[in-house]
Amino acid sequence: IIETGTFVGRSALFFAQLMDMIGHGKVLTIDIEEFHTQPAHPRIESIVGPSTDTGTIDRVQEAVGDAEKVMEILDSDHHAPYKLEEMLVEGMFVSPGNYMIVEDSCFDEYPAWPEFGPGPAEAIRQYLAGNDDFQIDREMERHIISFAPKGFLKKAG
């Protein structure tokens, strides 16, 4: 799992503990800041830097290597221009049949915060307008309420 927007690392730890239970996997978590409260776990690798930065992308490529299954959870800057750029560069790492989950599309899909402006939902619309590799999978929203409406993007394959 590649996660952008680590913050204090609670979701990265949650994913790592799930991987402990299944016996394999790794979490690569990316944030522009290093937080001293971030939990240490052998399945978590952290990268400090913008998720769209060339150096960060190179480090992600190195960490992913020839991994058979890769999914992304994008939870960093939620403004549409950044989110679109992030989707364009990070989406290439998602393996066929897996997901790129764009968090907090509720900001501008509902809109929960109209003053927020164009955010993840707008980025999703723009991304899918020029990309046939991913399709929205509404089945993942089976609990009716989601912070990521139309944000579960499944890669063809």
N, C-alpha and C. Protein backbone atom coordinates (compact mmCIF):
# COMPACT_ATOMS: atom_id res chain seq x y z
N ILE A 1 0.86 -1.18 0.00
CA ILE A 1 0.00 0.00 0.00
C ILE A 1 0.90 1.23 0.00
N ILE A 2 0.62 2.13 -0.93
CA ILE A 2 1.27 3.43 -0.93
C ILE A 2 0.24 4.42 -0.42
N GLU A 3 0.60 5.13 0.65
CA GLU A 3 -0.30 6.11 1.25
C GLU A 3 0.35 7.48 1.19
N THR A 4 -0.40 8.47 0.71
CA THR A 4 0.10 9.84 0.78
C THR A 4 -0.70 10.58 1.84
N GLY A 5 -0.01 11.45 2.58
CA GLY A 5 -0.67 12.17 3.66
C GLY A 5 -0.60 11.39 4.96
N THR A 6 0.60 11.12 5.43
CA THR A 6 0.83 10.30 6.63
C THR A 6 0.24 10.93 7.89
N PHE A 7 0.42 12.22 8.04
CA PHE A 7 0.12 12.97 9.27
C PHE A 7 0.82 12.28 10.43
N VAL A 8 0.12 11.76 11.42
CA VAL A 8 0.80 11.14 12.56
C VAL A 8 0.96 9.63 12.41
N GLY A 9 0.50 9.05 11.31
CA GLY A 9 0.79 7.67 10.99
C GLY A 9 -0.17 6.62 11.51
N ARG A 10 -1.31 7.02 11.99
CA ARG A 10 -2.25 6.03 12.53
C ARG A 10 -2.79 5.09 11.47
N SER A 11 -3.13 5.61 10.29
CA SER A 11 -3.65 4.71 9.25
C SER A 11 -2.54 3.80 8.73
N ALA A 12 -1.32 4.30 8.63
CA ALA A 12 -0.21 3.45 8.19
C ALA A 12 -0.01 2.30 9.18
N LEU A 13 -0.11 2.60 10.47
CA LEU A 13 0.01 1.55 11.48
C LEU A 13 -1.14 0.55 11.36
N PHE A 14 -2.35 1.04 11.16
CA PHE A 14 -3.50 0.15 10.98
C PHE A 14 -3.28 -0.80 9.80
N PHE A 15 -2.85 -0.26 8.66
CA PHE A 15 -2.60 -1.11 7.49
C PHE A 15 -1.49 -2.12 7.78
N ALA A 16 -0.43 -1.69 8.46
CA ALA A 16 0.68 -2.58 8.78
C ALA A 16 0.22 -3.72 9.69
N GLN A 17 -0.64 -3.42 10.65
CA GLN A 17 -1.14 -4.46 11.55
C GLN A 17 -2.05 -5.44 10.81
N LEU A 18 -2.84 -4.94 9.85
CA LEU A 18 -3.63 -5.85 9.01
C LEU A 18 -2.70 -6.78 8.23
N MET A 19 -1.61 -6.24 7.71
CA MET A 19 -0.66 -7.05 6.96
C MET A 19 0.03 -8.07 7.86
N ASP A 20 0.24 -7.72 9.13
CA ASP A 20 0.77 -8.70 10.09
C ASP A 20 -0.17 -9.90 10.17
N MET A 21 -1.47 -9.63 10.20
CA MET A 21 -2.45 -10.72 10.33
C MET A 21 -2.49 -11.61 9.09
N ILE A 22 -2.28 -11.01 7.90
CA ILE A 22 -2.30 -11.84 6.69
C ILE A 22 -0.93 -12.42 6.35
N GLY A 23 0.11 -11.90 7.02
CA GLY A 23 1.44 -12.49 6.89
C GLY A 23 2.33 -11.92 5.81
N HIS A 24 1.92 -10.86 5.12
CA HIS A 24 2.79 -10.25 4.13
C HIS A 24 2.30 -8.84 3.81
N GLY A 25 3.16 -8.09 3.14
CA GLY A 25 2.80 -6.75 2.71
C GLY A 25 3.66 -5.68 3.35
N LYS A 26 3.52 -4.48 2.81
CA LYS A 26 4.34 -3.35 3.24
C LYS A 26 3.54 -2.07 3.02
N VAL A 27 3.77 -1.08 3.86
CA VAL A 27 3.14 0.22 3.72
C VAL A 27 4.24 1.24 3.43
N LEU A 28 4.08 1.95 2.35
CA LEU A 28 4.98 3.05 2.01
C LEU A 28 4.16 4.32 2.22
N THR A 29 4.55 5.12 3.20
CA THR A 29 3.76 6.30 3.53
C THR A 29 4.55 7.56 3.27
N ILE A 30 3.90 8.56 2.67
CA ILE A 30 4.56 9.77 2.18
C ILE A 30 3.90 10.99 2.78
N ASP A 31 4.72 11.91 3.29
CA ASP A 31 4.20 13.19 3.78
C ASP A 31 5.29 14.25 3.62
N ILE A 32 4.85 15.51 3.58
CA ILE A 32 5.82 16.60 3.43
C ILE A 32 6.55 16.89 4.73
N GLU A 33 6.05 16.35 5.84
CA GLU A 33 6.68 16.54 7.14
C GLU A 33 6.92 15.20 7.80
N GLU A 34 7.97 15.16 8.63
CA GLU A 34 8.20 13.98 9.45
C GLU A 34 7.66 14.29 10.84
N PHE A 35 6.78 13.44 11.32
CA PHE A 35 6.18 13.64 12.63
C PHE A 35 6.85 12.72 13.64
N HIS A 36 7.20 13.26 14.78
CA HIS A 36 7.89 12.47 15.80
C HIS A 36 6.97 11.48 16.50
N THR A 37 5.67 11.65 16.32
CA THR A 37 4.71 10.72 16.93
C THR A 37 4.39 9.55 16.01
N GLN A 38 4.99 9.53 14.83
CA GLN A 38 4.73 8.46 13.87
C GLN A 38 5.18 7.12 14.45
N PRO A 39 4.29 6.13 14.47
CA PRO A 39 4.65 4.84 15.07
C PRO A 39 5.68 4.09 14.22
N ALA A 40 6.57 3.39 14.91
CA ALA A 40 7.55 2.55 14.23
C ALA A 40 6.96 1.15 14.06
N HIS A 41 7.15 0.58 12.90
CA HIS A 41 6.66 -0.77 12.62
C HIS A 41 7.50 -1.31 11.47
N PRO A 42 7.91 -2.57 11.54
CA PRO A 42 8.78 -3.11 10.48
C PRO A 42 8.16 -3.14 9.08
N ARG A 43 6.85 -3.06 8.96
CA ARG A 43 6.21 -3.06 7.65
C ARG A 43 5.99 -1.65 7.09
N ILE A 44 6.36 -0.62 7.85
CA ILE A 44 6.15 0.76 7.42
C ILE A 44 7.47 1.38 6.99
N GLU A 45 7.47 1.94 5.79
CA GLU A 45 8.60 2.75 5.31
C GLU A 45 8.07 4.14 5.02
N SER A 46 8.74 5.16 5.53
CA SER A 46 8.30 6.54 5.36
C SER A 46 9.19 7.29 4.38
N ILE A 47 8.56 8.13 3.59
CA ILE A 47 9.27 9.05 2.72
C ILE A 47 8.80 10.45 3.07
N VAL A 48 9.75 11.34 3.30
CA VAL A 48 9.41 12.74 3.59
C VAL A 48 9.64 13.54 2.31
N GLY A 49 8.57 14.19 1.85
CA GLY A 49 8.64 15.00 0.65
C GLY A 49 7.28 15.06 -0.02
N PRO A 50 7.10 15.99 -0.94
CA PRO A 50 5.83 16.06 -1.68
C PRO A 50 5.64 14.80 -2.54
N SER A 51 4.42 14.30 -2.57
CA SER A 51 4.15 13.06 -3.31
C SER A 51 4.34 13.22 -4.80
N THR A 52 4.37 14.44 -5.30
CA THR A 52 4.52 14.68 -6.74
C THR A 52 5.94 15.04 -7.13
N ASP A 53 6.83 15.14 -6.17
CA ASP A 53 8.22 15.52 -6.42
C ASP A 53 8.98 14.40 -7.12
N THR A 54 9.83 14.75 -8.05
CA THR A 54 10.60 13.76 -8.81
C THR A 54 11.42 12.86 -7.90
N GLY A 55 12.05 13.43 -6.89
CA GLY A 55 12.84 12.62 -5.95
C GLY A 55 11.98 11.63 -5.18
N THR A 56 10.80 12.07 -4.79
CA THR A 56 9.86 11.18 -4.08
C THR A 56 9.42 10.05 -5.01
N ILE A 57 9.08 10.39 -6.23
CA ILE A 57 8.63 9.38 -7.20
C ILE A 57 9.73 8.35 -7.43
N ASP A 58 10.98 8.80 -7.53
CA ASP A 58 12.10 7.87 -7.69
C ASP A 58 12.20 6.92 -6.50
N ARG A 59 12.03 7.45 -5.29
CA ARG A 59 12.09 6.62 -4.08
C ARG A 59 10.93 5.63 -4.03
N VAL A 60 9.75 6.07 -4.48
CA VAL A 60 8.59 5.16 -4.53
C VAL A 60 8.88 4.03 -5.52
N GLN A 61 9.38 4.38 -6.68
CA GLN A 61 9.70 3.37 -7.71
C GLN A 61 10.68 2.34 -7.15
N GLU A 62 11.69 2.82 -6.44
CA GLU A 62 12.69 1.93 -5.86
C GLU A 62 12.05 1.03 -4.80
N ALA A 63 11.20 1.59 -3.96
CA ALA A 63 10.56 0.82 -2.88
C ALA A 63 9.57 -0.20 -3.43
N VAL A 64 8.82 0.18 -4.48
CA VAL A 64 7.83 -0.72 -5.06
C VAL A 64 8.52 -1.84 -5.82
N GLY A 65 9.59 -1.50 -6.53
CA GLY A 65 10.33 -2.50 -7.28
C GLY A 65 9.43 -3.31 -8.18
N ASP A 66 9.47 -4.61 -8.02
CA ASP A 66 8.65 -5.50 -8.85
C ASP A 66 7.50 -6.11 -8.04
N ALA A 67 6.97 -5.34 -7.11
CA ALA A 67 5.85 -5.83 -6.29
C ALA A 67 4.70 -6.28 -7.18
N GLU A 68 4.12 -7.40 -6.83
CA GLU A 68 3.04 -7.98 -7.62
C GLU A 68 1.74 -7.20 -7.49
N LYS A 69 1.44 -6.73 -6.28
CA LYS A 69 0.19 -6.00 -6.04
C LYS A 69 0.49 -4.69 -5.32
N VAL A 70 -0.02 -3.61 -5.91
CA VAL A 70 0.18 -2.28 -5.32
C VAL A 70 -1.14 -1.52 -5.41
N MET A 71 -1.52 -0.92 -4.30
CA MET A 71 -2.67 -0.02 -4.30
C MET A 71 -2.24 1.30 -3.68
N GLU A 72 -3.02 2.35 -3.94
CA GLU A 72 -2.71 3.70 -3.46
C GLU A 72 -3.87 4.24 -2.65
N ILE A 73 -3.55 4.97 -1.61
CA ILE A 73 -4.53 5.73 -0.85
C ILE A 73 -4.02 7.16 -0.81
N LEU A 74 -4.70 8.05 -1.52
CA LEU A 74 -4.24 9.43 -1.65
C LEU A 74 -5.01 10.31 -0.66
N ASP A 75 -4.31 10.78 0.36
CA ASP A 75 -4.93 11.55 1.43
C ASP A 75 -4.07 12.75 1.80
N SER A 76 -3.40 13.32 0.82
CA SER A 76 -2.58 14.51 1.09
C SER A 76 -3.38 15.75 0.68
N ASP A 77 -2.70 16.77 0.22
CA ASP A 77 -3.35 18.04 -0.18
C ASP A 77 -4.60 17.76 -1.00
N HIS A 78 -5.73 18.33 -0.58
CA HIS A 78 -7.02 18.01 -1.20
C HIS A 78 -7.48 19.05 -2.22
N HIS A 79 -6.66 19.98 -2.60
CA HIS A 79 -7.05 20.96 -3.62
C HIS A 79 -6.90 20.33 -5.00
N ALA A 80 -7.85 20.60 -5.87
CA ALA A 80 -7.94 19.92 -7.17
C ALA A 80 -6.64 19.93 -7.98
N PRO A 81 -5.95 21.07 -8.15
CA PRO A 81 -4.75 21.02 -8.97
C PRO A 81 -3.68 20.07 -8.44
N TYR A 82 -3.46 20.09 -7.13
CA TYR A 82 -2.45 19.18 -6.56
C TYR A 82 -2.93 17.73 -6.66
N LYS A 83 -4.20 17.50 -6.31
CA LYS A 83 -4.72 16.13 -6.32
C LYS A 83 -4.64 15.53 -7.71
N LEU A 84 -4.95 16.31 -8.74
CA LEU A 84 -4.87 15.82 -10.11
C LEU A 84 -3.42 15.45 -10.45
N GLU A 85 -2.49 16.32 -10.12
CA GLU A 85 -1.08 16.03 -10.38
C GLU A 85 -0.65 14.76 -9.65
N GLU A 86 -1.10 14.63 -8.40
CA GLU A 86 -0.76 13.45 -7.60
C GLU A 86 -1.32 12.18 -8.25
N MET A 87 -2.55 12.25 -8.71
CA MET A 87 -3.15 11.09 -9.37
C MET A 87 -2.38 10.72 -10.63
N LEU A 88 -1.95 11.70 -11.38
CA LEU A 88 -1.23 11.45 -12.62
C LEU A 88 0.10 10.75 -12.37
N VAL A 89 0.83 11.16 -11.33
CA VAL A 89 2.14 10.54 -11.09
C VAL A 89 2.04 9.29 -10.23
N GLU A 90 1.16 9.26 -9.26
CA GLU A 90 1.07 8.11 -8.36
C GLU A 90 0.26 6.96 -8.97
N GLY A 91 -0.69 7.27 -9.84
CA GLY A 91 -1.53 6.23 -10.43
C GLY A 91 -0.77 5.19 -11.22
N MET A 92 0.41 5.55 -11.70
CA MET A 92 1.19 4.59 -12.50
C MET A 92 1.68 3.41 -11.68
N PHE A 93 1.71 3.55 -10.35
CA PHE A 93 2.21 2.47 -9.50
C PHE A 93 1.15 1.41 -9.19
N VAL A 94 -0.12 1.74 -9.39
CA VAL A 94 -1.20 0.82 -9.05
C VAL A 94 -1.18 -0.36 -10.01
N SER A 95 -1.23 -1.55 -9.46
CA SER A 95 -1.21 -2.75 -10.30
C SER A 95 -2.62 -3.04 -10.83
N PRO A 96 -2.70 -3.67 -11.99
CA PRO A 96 -4.01 -3.99 -12.58
C PRO A 96 -4.90 -4.77 -11.60
N GLY A 97 -6.16 -4.37 -11.55
CA GLY A 97 -7.12 -5.01 -10.67
C GLY A 97 -7.15 -4.44 -9.26
N ASN A 98 -6.26 -3.51 -8.97
CA ASN A 98 -6.19 -2.89 -7.66
C ASN A 98 -6.72 -1.46 -7.70
N TYR A 99 -6.68 -0.80 -6.57
CA TYR A 99 -7.35 0.48 -6.42
C TYR A 99 -6.40 1.65 -6.16
N MET A 100 -6.85 2.81 -6.65
CA MET A 100 -6.33 4.10 -6.23
C MET A 100 -7.52 4.75 -5.52
N ILE A 101 -7.41 4.94 -4.22
CA ILE A 101 -8.49 5.52 -3.43
C ILE A 101 -8.17 6.98 -3.18
N VAL A 102 -9.05 7.84 -3.65
CA VAL A 102 -8.88 9.28 -3.51
C VAL A 102 -9.76 9.73 -2.34
N GLU A 103 -9.11 10.02 -1.22
CA GLU A 103 -9.83 10.36 0.01
C GLU A 103 -10.44 11.75 -0.05
N ASP A 104 -11.51 11.92 0.73
CA ASP A 104 -12.15 13.21 1.01
C ASP A 104 -12.72 13.91 -0.21
N SER A 105 -13.18 13.14 -1.19
CA SER A 105 -13.88 13.75 -2.33
C SER A 105 -15.22 14.34 -1.90
N CYS A 106 -15.63 14.06 -0.67
CA CYS A 106 -16.86 14.65 -0.13
C CYS A 106 -16.74 16.17 -0.02
N PHE A 107 -15.51 16.68 0.08
CA PHE A 107 -15.31 18.13 0.23
C PHE A 107 -16.03 18.91 -0.86
N ASP A 108 -15.94 18.40 -2.09
CA ASP A 108 -16.58 19.13 -3.18
C ASP A 108 -17.59 18.30 -3.96
N GLU A 109 -17.80 17.06 -3.60
CA GLU A 109 -18.82 16.25 -4.28
C GLU A 109 -20.21 16.53 -3.72
N TYR A 110 -20.31 16.72 -2.41
CA TYR A 110 -21.65 16.89 -1.82
C TYR A 110 -22.23 18.28 -1.99
N PRO A 111 -21.67 19.39 -1.89
CA PRO A 111 -20.38 19.73 -1.26
C PRO A 111 -20.54 19.92 0.24
N ALA A 112 -19.65 19.32 0.96
CA ALA A 112 -19.68 19.43 2.41
C ALA A 112 -19.16 20.80 2.85
N TRP A 113 -18.17 21.31 2.12
CA TRP A 113 -17.59 22.62 2.41
C TRP A 113 -17.49 23.41 1.10
N PRO A 114 -18.56 24.08 0.68
CA PRO A 114 -18.54 24.80 -0.59
C PRO A 114 -17.42 25.83 -0.68
N GLU A 115 -17.06 26.42 0.45
CA GLU A 115 -16.00 27.43 0.45
C GLU A 115 -14.62 26.83 0.20
N PHE A 116 -14.51 25.51 0.28
CA PHE A 116 -13.23 24.83 0.06
C PHE A 116 -12.76 25.02 -1.38
N GLY A 117 -13.71 25.04 -2.31
CA GLY A 117 -13.35 25.18 -3.72
C GLY A 117 -13.16 23.83 -4.37
N PRO A 118 -12.73 23.82 -5.61
CA PRO A 118 -12.51 22.54 -6.30
C PRO A 118 -11.49 21.68 -5.54
N GLY A 119 -11.88 20.43 -5.33
CA GLY A 119 -11.03 19.53 -4.56
C GLY A 119 -10.91 18.18 -5.22
N PRO A 120 -10.86 17.10 -4.41
CA PRO A 120 -10.65 15.77 -4.95
C PRO A 120 -11.70 15.33 -5.97
N ALA A 121 -12.97 15.67 -5.77
CA ALA A 121 -14.01 15.25 -6.73
C ALA A 121 -13.75 15.84 -8.11
N GLU A 122 -13.36 17.10 -8.14
CA GLU A 122 -13.03 17.74 -9.43
C GLU A 122 -11.80 17.10 -10.05
N ALA A 123 -10.81 16.79 -9.23
CA ALA A 123 -9.60 16.13 -9.73
C ALA A 123 -9.94 14.76 -10.32
N ILE A 124 -10.83 14.02 -9.65
CA ILE A 124 -11.26 12.72 -10.16
C ILE A 124 -11.92 12.88 -11.53
N ARG A 125 -12.82 13.85 -11.65
CA ARG A 125 -13.50 14.07 -12.94
C ARG A 125 -12.48 14.37 -14.04
N GLN A 126 -11.53 15.25 -13.77
CA GLN A 126 -10.53 15.61 -14.77
C GLN A 126 -9.64 14.42 -15.11
N TYR A 127 -9.25 13.68 -14.10
CA TYR A 127 -8.37 12.53 -14.30
C TYR A 127 -9.04 11.47 -15.18
N LEU A 128 -10.28 11.15 -14.86
CA LEU A 128 -10.98 10.11 -15.63
C LEU A 128 -11.34 10.56 -17.04
N ALA A 129 -11.46 11.87 -17.25
CA ALA A 129 -11.75 12.38 -18.60
C ALA A 129 -10.61 12.07 -19.56
N GLY A 130 -9.41 11.92 -19.04
CA GLY A 130 -8.26 11.64 -19.90
C GLY A 130 -7.58 10.33 -19.62
N ASN A 131 -8.26 9.41 -18.90
CA ASN A 131 -7.61 8.17 -18.51
C ASN A 131 -8.62 7.03 -18.53
N ASP A 132 -8.41 6.06 -19.42
CA ASP A 132 -9.30 4.91 -19.51
C ASP A 132 -8.82 3.73 -18.66
N ASP A 133 -7.67 3.88 -17.99
CA ASP A 133 -7.13 2.78 -17.20
C ASP A 133 -7.90 2.54 -15.91
N PHE A 134 -8.60 3.56 -15.41
CA PHE A 134 -9.32 3.46 -14.14
C PHE A 134 -10.81 3.69 -14.34
N GLN A 135 -11.61 2.99 -13.52
CA GLN A 135 -13.05 3.18 -13.49
C GLN A 135 -13.50 3.35 -12.05
N ILE A 136 -14.50 4.19 -11.83
CA ILE A 136 -15.06 4.35 -10.49
C ILE A 136 -15.77 3.05 -10.11
N ASP A 137 -15.52 2.56 -8.91
CA ASP A 137 -16.17 1.35 -8.41
C ASP A 137 -17.07 1.74 -7.24
N ARG A 138 -18.35 2.00 -7.53
CA ARG A 138 -19.30 2.43 -6.50
C ARG A 138 -19.64 1.30 -5.53
N GLU A 139 -19.32 0.05 -5.88
CA GLU A 139 -19.55 -1.07 -4.96
C GLU A 139 -18.79 -0.90 -3.65
N MET A 140 -17.69 -0.20 -3.70
CA MET A 140 -16.88 0.02 -2.50
C MET A 140 -17.54 1.01 -1.54
N GLU A 141 -18.60 1.65 -1.97
CA GLU A 141 -19.34 2.60 -1.13
C GLU A 141 -20.61 1.94 -0.58
N ARG A 142 -20.54 0.68 -0.30
CA ARG A 142 -21.74 -0.08 0.07
C ARG A 142 -22.37 0.36 1.38
N HIS A 143 -21.70 1.18 2.16
CA HIS A 143 -22.27 1.65 3.42
C HIS A 143 -23.01 2.98 3.26
N ILE A 144 -23.26 3.38 2.05
CA ILE A 144 -24.05 4.55 1.65
C ILE A 144 -23.32 5.87 1.92
N ILE A 145 -22.79 6.07 3.11
CA ILE A 145 -22.08 7.32 3.43
C ILE A 145 -20.59 7.07 3.30
N SER A 146 -19.91 7.95 2.60
CA SER A 146 -18.48 7.79 2.37
C SER A 146 -17.80 9.14 2.37
N PHE A 147 -16.59 9.20 2.90
CA PHE A 147 -15.77 10.39 2.77
C PHE A 147 -15.11 10.43 1.40
N ALA A 148 -15.26 9.33 0.65
CA ALA A 148 -14.63 9.26 -0.67
C ALA A 148 -15.65 8.87 -1.76
N PRO A 149 -16.74 9.66 -1.91
CA PRO A 149 -17.70 9.32 -2.96
C PRO A 149 -17.05 9.39 -4.34
N LYS A 150 -17.24 8.35 -5.12
CA LYS A 150 -16.64 8.21 -6.46
C LYS A 150 -15.11 8.20 -6.41
N GLY A 151 -14.56 7.95 -5.22
CA GLY A 151 -13.11 7.99 -5.03
C GLY A 151 -12.43 6.64 -5.05
N PHE A 152 -13.18 5.56 -5.24
CA PHE A 152 -12.59 4.24 -5.34
C PHE A 152 -12.40 3.93 -6.81
N LEU A 153 -11.17 4.10 -7.29
CA LEU A 153 -10.87 3.94 -8.71
C LEU A 153 -10.13 2.63 -8.91
N LYS A 154 -10.75 1.73 -9.68
CA LYS A 154 -10.15 0.42 -9.93
C LYS A 154 -9.43 0.43 -11.26
N LYS A 155 -8.20 -0.07 -11.22
CA LYS A 155 -7.40 -0.12 -12.44
C LYS A 155 -7.78 -1.34 -13.27
N ALA A 156 -7.97 -1.14 -14.55
CA ALA A 156 -8.32 -2.23 -15.46
C ALA A 156 -7.26 -3.32 -15.41
N GLY A 157 -7.70 -4.51 -15.63
CA GLY A 157 -6.73 -5.61 -15.67
C GLY A 157 -7.26 -6.80 -15.10
